Amino acid sequence: MVDKDEVIVLRISGDSKAAIKSAAAGLGQSMTTFIGETIDKRVRALKRRPPKRAPTYGIHEGVPTFFRACCLEASRGGENGYRAAGWHLANSITNGQQPHDIESDDWESEIDALKELLASEDEVGAWDWFKRHYPKCMALVPGRRREQFIAGVRQAHEDGRIEV
């Protein structure tokens, strides 16, 4: 009997399965052997040279209550949608919601980078900035509502609310 800790079940598309089967057959191997050896090679490569990771500082680890409330209201069809959530979070990044693990000077540089993204109308860059620094907050904003969120951030910037 096989120990359940030794079994991995993968769900893959029919096309992927056919490609794996063809590659394994080309090497004269079973699919199981081919997959196992391929994974082992990748694991060894990662041990030799781990992938570069994004900085692990300047990350806000929680979700402010006001932001959670704004997102809840928006999800229920609130009048301002996720725009209000964006405005309130942007308003607070220099007023109480700075990540605890970053020095003030470094945070000021990050704020300046966000302001440059907003000034150049780089909505994707601004979204990525928030996703990097406030990942748990951004998890509450549905993908189809990101534009609303960034519109609120942009409004806070235009109102002069993002100042250090």
N, C-alpha and C. Protein backbone atom coordinates (compact mmCIF):
# COMPACT_ATOMS: atom_id res chain seq x y z
N MET A 1 0.84 -1.18 0.00
CA MET A 1 0.00 0.00 0.00
C MET A 1 0.89 1.25 0.00
N VAL A 2 0.52 2.25 -0.75
CA VAL A 2 1.28 3.50 -0.87
C VAL A 2 0.87 4.44 0.25
N ASP A 3 1.86 5.01 0.92
CA ASP A 3 1.60 5.99 1.98
C ASP A 3 1.07 7.27 1.34
N LYS A 4 -0.03 7.83 1.88
CA LYS A 4 -0.63 9.02 1.28
C LYS A 4 0.31 10.23 1.29
N ASP A 5 1.32 10.24 2.17
CA ASP A 5 2.30 11.33 2.18
C ASP A 5 3.27 11.24 1.02
N GLU A 6 3.25 10.13 0.28
CA GLU A 6 4.14 9.95 -0.86
C GLU A 6 3.43 10.16 -2.19
N VAL A 7 2.17 10.57 -2.15
CA VAL A 7 1.38 10.73 -3.36
C VAL A 7 1.05 12.19 -3.58
N ILE A 8 1.23 12.65 -4.82
CA ILE A 8 0.82 14.00 -5.21
C ILE A 8 -0.12 13.84 -6.40
N VAL A 9 -1.27 14.47 -6.31
CA VAL A 9 -2.23 14.43 -7.40
C VAL A 9 -2.21 15.79 -8.09
N LEU A 10 -2.00 15.79 -9.40
CA LEU A 10 -1.95 17.03 -10.16
C LEU A 10 -3.14 17.09 -11.11
N ARG A 11 -3.73 18.26 -11.24
CA ARG A 11 -4.77 18.48 -12.23
C ARG A 11 -4.17 19.34 -13.33
N ILE A 12 -4.10 18.80 -14.53
CA ILE A 12 -3.54 19.54 -15.65
C ILE A 12 -4.47 19.40 -16.85
N SER A 13 -4.30 20.29 -17.79
CA SER A 13 -5.15 20.25 -18.99
C SER A 13 -4.77 19.04 -19.86
N GLY A 14 -5.68 18.68 -20.72
CA GLY A 14 -5.43 17.59 -21.66
C GLY A 14 -4.24 17.88 -22.55
N ASP A 15 -4.12 19.14 -22.98
CA ASP A 15 -2.98 19.52 -23.83
C ASP A 15 -1.65 19.36 -23.10
N SER A 16 -1.62 19.78 -21.82
CA SER A 16 -0.39 19.65 -21.03
C SER A 16 -0.04 18.19 -20.83
N LYS A 17 -1.06 17.37 -20.56
CA LYS A 17 -0.81 15.94 -20.36
C LYS A 17 -0.24 15.33 -21.63
N ALA A 18 -0.79 15.69 -22.78
CA ALA A 18 -0.29 15.15 -24.05
C ALA A 18 1.15 15.58 -24.29
N ALA A 19 1.47 16.82 -23.97
CA ALA A 19 2.84 17.32 -24.16
C ALA A 19 3.81 16.58 -23.24
N ILE A 20 3.41 16.36 -21.99
CA ILE A 20 4.26 15.64 -21.04
C ILE A 20 4.46 14.20 -21.50
N LYS A 21 3.39 13.57 -21.94
CA LYS A 21 3.45 12.18 -22.41
C LYS A 21 4.39 12.07 -23.60
N SER A 22 4.30 13.02 -24.52
CA SER A 22 5.16 13.02 -25.71
C SER A 22 6.63 13.21 -25.33
N ALA A 23 6.88 14.16 -24.42
CA ALA A 23 8.26 14.42 -23.99
C ALA A 23 8.84 13.20 -23.28
N ALA A 24 8.04 12.58 -22.42
CA ALA A 24 8.51 11.38 -21.70
C ALA A 24 8.80 10.25 -22.68
N ALA A 25 7.91 10.05 -23.63
CA ALA A 25 8.10 8.99 -24.62
C ALA A 25 9.36 9.25 -25.44
N GLY A 26 9.62 10.52 -25.74
CA GLY A 26 10.81 10.87 -26.51
C GLY A 26 12.10 10.51 -25.78
N LEU A 27 12.02 10.44 -24.45
CA LEU A 27 13.19 10.06 -23.65
C LEU A 27 13.13 8.59 -23.23
N GLY A 28 12.07 7.91 -23.67
CA GLY A 28 11.93 6.50 -23.30
C GLY A 28 11.58 6.32 -21.83
N GLN A 29 10.86 7.25 -21.26
CA GLN A 29 10.51 7.19 -19.84
C GLN A 29 9.00 7.16 -19.66
N SER A 30 8.59 6.71 -18.48
CA SER A 30 7.18 6.83 -18.13
C SER A 30 6.92 8.29 -17.76
N MET A 31 5.65 8.65 -17.77
CA MET A 31 5.30 10.02 -17.38
C MET A 31 5.71 10.29 -15.93
N THR A 32 5.52 9.31 -15.06
CA THR A 32 5.87 9.47 -13.65
C THR A 32 7.35 9.73 -13.48
N THR A 33 8.18 8.94 -14.15
CA THR A 33 9.63 9.13 -14.07
C THR A 33 10.03 10.48 -14.64
N PHE A 34 9.47 10.82 -15.79
CA PHE A 34 9.78 12.11 -16.43
C PHE A 34 9.43 13.28 -15.51
N ILE A 35 8.22 13.27 -14.96
CA ILE A 35 7.79 14.37 -14.07
C ILE A 35 8.66 14.42 -12.83
N GLY A 36 8.92 13.28 -12.23
CA GLY A 36 9.75 13.24 -11.02
C GLY A 36 11.15 13.78 -11.26
N GLU A 37 11.79 13.36 -12.35
CA GLU A 37 13.14 13.82 -12.65
C GLU A 37 13.15 15.31 -12.99
N THR A 38 12.15 15.77 -13.70
CA THR A 38 12.07 17.19 -14.05
C THR A 38 11.94 18.04 -12.80
N ILE A 39 11.10 17.63 -11.89
CA ILE A 39 10.92 18.38 -10.64
C ILE A 39 12.21 18.34 -9.81
N ASP A 40 12.84 17.17 -9.73
CA ASP A 40 14.08 17.06 -8.97
C ASP A 40 15.15 18.01 -9.52
N LYS A 41 15.27 18.09 -10.86
CA LYS A 41 16.25 19.00 -11.48
C LYS A 41 15.96 20.46 -11.09
N ARG A 42 14.70 20.83 -11.13
CA ARG A 42 14.31 22.21 -10.80
C ARG A 42 14.60 22.52 -9.34
N VAL A 43 14.31 21.58 -8.45
CA VAL A 43 14.58 21.77 -7.02
C VAL A 43 16.07 21.94 -6.78
N ARG A 44 16.89 21.10 -7.42
CA ARG A 44 18.35 21.23 -7.26
C ARG A 44 18.85 22.58 -7.78
N ALA A 45 18.31 23.02 -8.90
CA ALA A 45 18.71 24.32 -9.46
C ALA A 45 18.34 25.46 -8.51
N LEU A 46 17.18 25.38 -7.90
CA LEU A 46 16.77 26.43 -6.95
C LEU A 46 17.64 26.44 -5.71
N LYS A 47 18.09 25.28 -5.28
CA LYS A 47 18.97 25.22 -4.11
C LYS A 47 20.31 25.87 -4.41
N ARG A 48 20.78 25.70 -5.66
CA ARG A 48 22.06 26.31 -6.06
C ARG A 48 21.94 27.81 -6.22
N ARG A 49 20.83 28.27 -6.77
CA ARG A 49 20.65 29.69 -7.06
C ARG A 49 19.18 30.05 -6.83
N PRO A 50 18.85 30.46 -5.60
CA PRO A 50 17.46 30.81 -5.31
C PRO A 50 17.00 31.98 -6.18
N PRO A 51 15.69 32.02 -6.51
CA PRO A 51 15.20 33.13 -7.33
C PRO A 51 15.29 34.46 -6.59
N LYS A 52 15.45 35.54 -7.35
CA LYS A 52 15.48 36.86 -6.75
C LYS A 52 14.08 37.18 -6.25
N ARG A 53 14.01 37.73 -5.09
CA ARG A 53 12.72 38.05 -4.50
C ARG A 53 12.58 39.56 -4.34
N ALA A 54 11.34 39.98 -4.34
CA ALA A 54 11.07 41.39 -4.08
C ALA A 54 11.51 41.72 -2.66
N PRO A 55 11.81 42.98 -2.40
CA PRO A 55 12.21 43.36 -1.05
C PRO A 55 11.14 42.93 -0.04
N THR A 56 11.60 42.52 1.12
CA THR A 56 10.67 42.08 2.15
C THR A 56 10.52 43.13 3.24
N TYR A 57 10.78 44.37 2.92
CA TYR A 57 10.58 45.44 3.88
C TYR A 57 9.58 46.43 3.28
N GLY A 58 9.04 47.27 4.14
CA GLY A 58 8.08 48.25 3.66
C GLY A 58 6.74 47.62 3.33
N ILE A 59 6.42 46.53 4.01
CA ILE A 59 5.16 45.84 3.75
C ILE A 59 4.26 45.99 4.98
N HIS A 60 3.11 46.56 4.77
CA HIS A 60 2.11 46.71 5.83
C HIS A 60 1.49 45.34 6.02
N GLU A 61 1.51 44.82 7.22
CA GLU A 61 1.11 43.43 7.47
C GLU A 61 -0.37 43.24 7.79
N GLY A 62 -1.13 44.31 7.90
CA GLY A 62 -2.53 44.14 8.28
C GLY A 62 -3.48 44.82 7.32
N VAL A 63 -4.73 44.92 7.77
CA VAL A 63 -5.77 45.62 7.03
C VAL A 63 -6.43 46.58 8.02
N PRO A 64 -6.27 47.88 7.82
CA PRO A 64 -6.92 48.83 8.73
C PRO A 64 -8.43 48.64 8.72
N THR A 65 -9.03 48.82 9.86
CA THR A 65 -10.48 48.64 10.00
C THR A 65 -11.25 49.53 9.03
N PHE A 66 -10.82 50.78 8.88
CA PHE A 66 -11.52 51.69 7.97
C PHE A 66 -11.50 51.17 6.54
N PHE A 67 -10.37 50.55 6.14
CA PHE A 67 -10.25 50.05 4.78
C PHE A 67 -11.16 48.83 4.58
N ARG A 68 -11.16 47.95 5.57
CA ARG A 68 -12.03 46.78 5.50
C ARG A 68 -13.49 47.22 5.38
N ALA A 69 -13.88 48.25 6.15
CA ALA A 69 -15.26 48.76 6.10
C ALA A 69 -15.57 49.38 4.74
N CYS A 70 -14.63 50.13 4.18
CA CYS A 70 -14.83 50.72 2.84
C CYS A 70 -15.04 49.64 1.80
N CYS A 71 -14.23 48.58 1.87
CA CYS A 71 -14.34 47.49 0.89
C CYS A 71 -15.65 46.73 1.08
N LEU A 72 -16.07 46.54 2.31
CA LEU A 72 -17.33 45.86 2.56
C LEU A 72 -18.49 46.66 1.98
N GLU A 73 -18.47 47.97 2.23
CA GLU A 73 -19.52 48.84 1.68
C GLU A 73 -19.51 48.80 0.16
N ALA A 74 -18.32 48.87 -0.42
CA ALA A 74 -18.21 48.84 -1.89
C ALA A 74 -18.72 47.52 -2.45
N SER A 75 -18.42 46.42 -1.76
CA SER A 75 -18.86 45.10 -2.26
C SER A 75 -20.37 44.95 -2.20
N ARG A 76 -21.00 45.76 -1.38
CA ARG A 76 -22.46 45.71 -1.25
C ARG A 76 -23.14 46.77 -2.12
N GLY A 77 -22.37 47.37 -3.01
CA GLY A 77 -22.95 48.35 -3.94
C GLY A 77 -22.95 49.76 -3.41
N GLY A 78 -22.06 50.07 -2.48
CA GLY A 78 -21.98 51.42 -1.93
C GLY A 78 -21.81 52.47 -3.00
N GLU A 79 -22.28 53.65 -2.72
CA GLU A 79 -22.33 54.75 -3.70
C GLU A 79 -20.97 55.07 -4.32
N ASN A 80 -19.90 55.05 -3.54
CA ASN A 80 -18.59 55.44 -4.05
C ASN A 80 -17.73 54.27 -4.51
N GLY A 81 -18.21 53.06 -4.39
CA GLY A 81 -17.45 51.90 -4.82
C GLY A 81 -16.08 51.84 -4.17
N TYR A 82 -15.13 51.26 -4.87
CA TYR A 82 -13.78 51.10 -4.34
C TYR A 82 -12.97 52.39 -4.45
N ARG A 83 -13.54 53.39 -5.07
CA ARG A 83 -12.89 54.70 -5.14
C ARG A 83 -12.68 55.25 -3.74
N ALA A 84 -13.68 55.12 -2.87
CA ALA A 84 -13.57 55.61 -1.49
C ALA A 84 -12.47 54.85 -0.75
N ALA A 85 -12.40 53.54 -0.96
CA ALA A 85 -11.36 52.74 -0.31
C ALA A 85 -9.98 53.24 -0.75
N GLY A 86 -9.81 53.51 -2.05
CA GLY A 86 -8.53 54.02 -2.55
C GLY A 86 -8.19 55.37 -1.96
N TRP A 87 -9.18 56.25 -1.90
CA TRP A 87 -8.93 57.59 -1.36
C TRP A 87 -8.52 57.51 0.10
N HIS A 88 -9.25 56.74 0.89
CA HIS A 88 -8.94 56.65 2.33
C HIS A 88 -7.60 55.98 2.60
N LEU A 89 -7.27 54.93 1.86
CA LEU A 89 -5.98 54.29 2.09
C LEU A 89 -4.85 55.22 1.67
N ALA A 90 -4.99 55.86 0.52
CA ALA A 90 -3.95 56.80 0.06
C ALA A 90 -3.77 57.93 1.06
N ASN A 91 -4.86 58.40 1.62
CA ASN A 91 -4.82 59.47 2.61
C ASN A 91 -4.06 59.05 3.87
N SER A 92 -4.08 57.77 4.17
CA SER A 92 -3.49 57.30 5.43
C SER A 92 -2.05 56.82 5.31
N ILE A 93 -1.51 56.68 4.11
CA ILE A 93 -0.16 56.12 3.98
C ILE A 93 0.91 57.03 4.56
N THR A 94 0.59 58.30 4.73
CA THR A 94 1.53 59.21 5.37
C THR A 94 1.00 59.66 6.73
N ASN A 95 -0.11 59.05 7.13
CA ASN A 95 -0.78 59.49 8.36
C ASN A 95 -1.26 58.28 9.14
N GLY A 96 -0.32 57.48 9.64
CA GLY A 96 -0.68 56.40 10.53
C GLY A 96 -0.61 54.99 9.97
N GLN A 97 -0.54 54.82 8.67
CA GLN A 97 -0.52 53.47 8.11
C GLN A 97 0.78 53.15 7.38
N GLN A 98 1.87 53.77 7.82
CA GLN A 98 3.19 53.45 7.27
C GLN A 98 3.60 52.07 7.77
N PRO A 99 4.16 51.22 6.91
CA PRO A 99 4.66 49.93 7.39
C PRO A 99 5.69 50.14 8.51
N HIS A 100 5.65 49.27 9.50
CA HIS A 100 6.53 49.43 10.66
C HIS A 100 7.98 49.07 10.39
N ASP A 101 8.23 48.32 9.34
CA ASP A 101 9.58 47.80 9.11
C ASP A 101 10.40 48.61 8.12
N ILE A 102 10.09 49.88 7.95
CA ILE A 102 10.84 50.71 7.00
C ILE A 102 11.15 52.05 7.66
N GLU A 103 12.35 52.53 7.42
CA GLU A 103 12.77 53.81 7.98
C GLU A 103 12.02 54.95 7.32
N SER A 104 11.85 56.05 8.04
CA SER A 104 11.10 57.20 7.54
C SER A 104 11.64 57.72 6.22
N ASP A 105 12.97 57.83 6.10
CA ASP A 105 13.57 58.34 4.86
C ASP A 105 13.26 57.42 3.68
N ASP A 106 13.36 56.11 3.93
CA ASP A 106 13.07 55.15 2.86
C ASP A 106 11.59 55.21 2.48
N TRP A 107 10.71 55.38 3.48
CA TRP A 107 9.29 55.46 3.18
C TRP A 107 8.97 56.73 2.38
N GLU A 108 9.64 57.82 2.71
CA GLU A 108 9.45 59.06 1.94
C GLU A 108 9.83 58.84 0.48
N SER A 109 10.91 58.09 0.25
CA SER A 109 11.31 57.78 -1.13
C SER A 109 10.25 56.94 -1.83
N GLU A 110 9.67 56.00 -1.11
CA GLU A 110 8.61 55.17 -1.68
C GLU A 110 7.38 56.02 -2.01
N ILE A 111 7.05 56.95 -1.13
CA ILE A 111 5.90 57.85 -1.36
C ILE A 111 6.17 58.70 -2.60
N ASP A 112 7.40 59.21 -2.72
CA ASP A 112 7.76 60.00 -3.90
C ASP A 112 7.62 59.17 -5.18
N ALA A 113 8.01 57.89 -5.10
CA ALA A 113 7.87 57.01 -6.27
C ALA A 113 6.40 56.85 -6.64
N LEU A 114 5.53 56.69 -5.64
CA LEU A 114 4.09 56.58 -5.90
C LEU A 114 3.57 57.87 -6.55
N LYS A 115 3.98 59.00 -6.03
CA LYS A 115 3.52 60.27 -6.59
C LYS A 115 3.97 60.44 -8.03
N GLU A 116 5.16 59.97 -8.35
CA GLU A 116 5.64 60.03 -9.74
C GLU A 116 4.79 59.13 -10.64
N LEU A 117 4.44 57.95 -10.13
CA LEU A 117 3.58 57.05 -10.90
C LEU A 117 2.22 57.70 -11.17
N LEU A 118 1.67 58.36 -10.16
CA LEU A 118 0.37 59.01 -10.31
C LEU A 118 0.47 60.20 -11.27
N ALA A 119 1.55 60.97 -11.15
CA ALA A 119 1.73 62.13 -12.02
C ALA A 119 1.87 61.71 -13.49
N SER A 120 2.48 60.56 -13.72
CA SER A 120 2.65 60.08 -15.09
C SER A 120 1.48 59.21 -15.56
N GLU A 121 0.45 59.15 -14.73
CA GLU A 121 -0.77 58.39 -15.03
C GLU A 121 -0.50 56.91 -15.28
N ASP A 122 0.47 56.38 -14.54
CA ASP A 122 0.82 54.96 -14.64
C ASP A 122 -0.03 54.19 -13.62
N GLU A 123 -1.25 53.84 -14.04
CA GLU A 123 -2.18 53.17 -13.14
C GLU A 123 -1.70 51.77 -12.75
N VAL A 124 -1.10 51.06 -13.69
CA VAL A 124 -0.59 49.72 -13.39
C VAL A 124 0.53 49.82 -12.37
N GLY A 125 1.42 50.77 -12.57
CA GLY A 125 2.52 50.97 -11.62
C GLY A 125 2.02 51.35 -10.24
N ALA A 126 1.00 52.21 -10.19
CA ALA A 126 0.43 52.62 -8.90
C ALA A 126 -0.23 51.43 -8.21
N TRP A 127 -0.96 50.63 -8.99
CA TRP A 127 -1.56 49.41 -8.41
C TRP A 127 -0.48 48.48 -7.85
N ASP A 128 0.59 48.27 -8.64
CA ASP A 128 1.68 47.41 -8.20
C ASP A 128 2.33 47.96 -6.92
N TRP A 129 2.43 49.28 -6.82
CA TRP A 129 3.00 49.91 -5.62
C TRP A 129 2.16 49.53 -4.40
N PHE A 130 0.85 49.67 -4.50
CA PHE A 130 -0.02 49.32 -3.37
C PHE A 130 0.00 47.82 -3.10
N LYS A 131 0.04 47.03 -4.15
CA LYS A 131 0.07 45.58 -3.98
C LYS A 131 1.35 45.15 -3.25
N ARG A 132 2.45 45.82 -3.55
CA ARG A 132 3.73 45.50 -2.91
C ARG A 132 3.74 45.92 -1.44
N HIS A 133 3.22 47.11 -1.15
CA HIS A 133 3.30 47.64 0.22
C HIS A 133 2.10 47.30 1.09
N TYR A 134 0.95 47.03 0.49
CA TYR A 134 -0.28 46.73 1.24
C TYR A 134 -0.97 45.49 0.66
N PRO A 135 -0.27 44.35 0.64
CA PRO A 135 -0.81 43.17 -0.04
C PRO A 135 -2.14 42.66 0.53
N LYS A 136 -2.28 42.70 1.83
CA LYS A 136 -3.53 42.19 2.42
C LYS A 136 -4.70 43.11 2.11
N CYS A 137 -4.43 44.40 2.00
CA CYS A 137 -5.48 45.35 1.62
C CYS A 137 -5.89 45.12 0.17
N MET A 138 -4.91 44.97 -0.69
CA MET A 138 -5.21 44.82 -2.12
C MET A 138 -5.93 43.52 -2.42
N ALA A 139 -5.77 42.53 -1.54
CA ALA A 139 -6.49 41.28 -1.73
C ALA A 139 -8.00 41.47 -1.58
N LEU A 140 -8.41 42.57 -0.96
CA LEU A 140 -9.84 42.86 -0.78
C LEU A 140 -10.45 43.61 -1.96
N VAL A 141 -9.61 44.04 -2.91
CA VAL A 141 -10.09 44.80 -4.06
C VAL A 141 -10.18 43.85 -5.27
N PRO A 142 -11.40 43.57 -5.74
CA PRO A 142 -11.54 42.68 -6.90
C PRO A 142 -10.83 43.25 -8.13
N GLY A 143 -10.29 42.37 -8.94
CA GLY A 143 -9.57 42.80 -10.14
C GLY A 143 -10.36 43.75 -11.01
N ARG A 144 -11.64 43.51 -11.14
CA ARG A 144 -12.47 44.35 -12.02
C ARG A 144 -12.73 45.73 -11.40
N ARG A 145 -12.31 45.94 -10.16
CA ARG A 145 -12.53 47.23 -9.47
C ARG A 145 -11.23 48.00 -9.21
N ARG A 146 -10.14 47.52 -9.77
CA ARG A 146 -8.84 48.18 -9.56
C ARG A 146 -8.85 49.61 -10.08
N GLU A 147 -9.50 49.84 -11.21
CA GLU A 147 -9.54 51.20 -11.77
C GLU A 147 -10.24 52.14 -10.81
N GLN A 148 -11.34 51.68 -10.18
CA GLN A 148 -12.03 52.51 -9.19
C GLN A 148 -11.09 52.84 -8.04
N PHE A 149 -10.40 51.82 -7.53
CA PHE A 149 -9.48 52.02 -6.42
C PHE A 149 -8.42 53.06 -6.78
N ILE A 150 -7.79 52.90 -7.93
CA ILE A 150 -6.72 53.83 -8.35
C ILE A 150 -7.30 55.22 -8.60
N ALA A 151 -8.54 55.31 -9.07
CA ALA A 151 -9.17 56.63 -9.24
C ALA A 151 -9.26 57.34 -7.89
N GLY A 152 -9.57 56.61 -6.84
CA GLY A 152 -9.62 57.20 -5.50
C GLY A 152 -8.24 57.63 -5.03
N VAL A 153 -7.23 56.82 -5.33
CA VAL A 153 -5.85 57.18 -4.97
C VAL A 153 -5.45 58.45 -5.72
N ARG A 154 -5.76 58.49 -7.02
CA ARG A 154 -5.43 59.66 -7.82
C ARG A 154 -6.11 60.92 -7.26
N GLN A 155 -7.37 60.77 -6.83
CA GLN A 155 -8.10 61.91 -6.26
C GLN A 155 -7.42 62.39 -4.98
N ALA A 156 -6.98 61.48 -4.14
CA ALA A 156 -6.26 61.85 -2.92
C ALA A 156 -4.98 62.61 -3.26
N HIS A 157 -4.30 62.16 -4.30
CA HIS A 157 -3.08 62.84 -4.75
C HIS A 157 -3.40 64.25 -5.23
N GLU A 158 -4.45 64.37 -6.06
CA GLU A 158 -4.86 65.69 -6.56
C GLU A 158 -5.33 66.61 -5.45
N ASP A 159 -5.89 66.03 -4.39
CA ASP A 159 -6.33 66.82 -3.23
C ASP A 159 -5.18 67.21 -2.32
N GLY A 160 -3.97 66.75 -2.65
CA GLY A 160 -2.80 67.06 -1.82
C GLY A 160 -2.75 66.27 -0.52
N ARG A 161 -3.39 65.10 -0.50
CA ARG A 161 -3.47 64.30 0.72
C ARG A 161 -2.30 63.32 0.89
N ILE A 162 -1.51 63.13 -0.17
CA ILE A 162 -0.37 62.21 -0.09
C ILE A 162 0.89 63.04 0.07
N GLU A 163 1.12 63.50 1.26
CA GLU A 163 2.28 64.35 1.55
C GLU A 163 2.99 63.83 2.79
N VAL A 164 4.32 63.86 2.74
CA VAL A 164 5.12 63.46 3.91
C VAL A 164 5.64 64.66 4.65
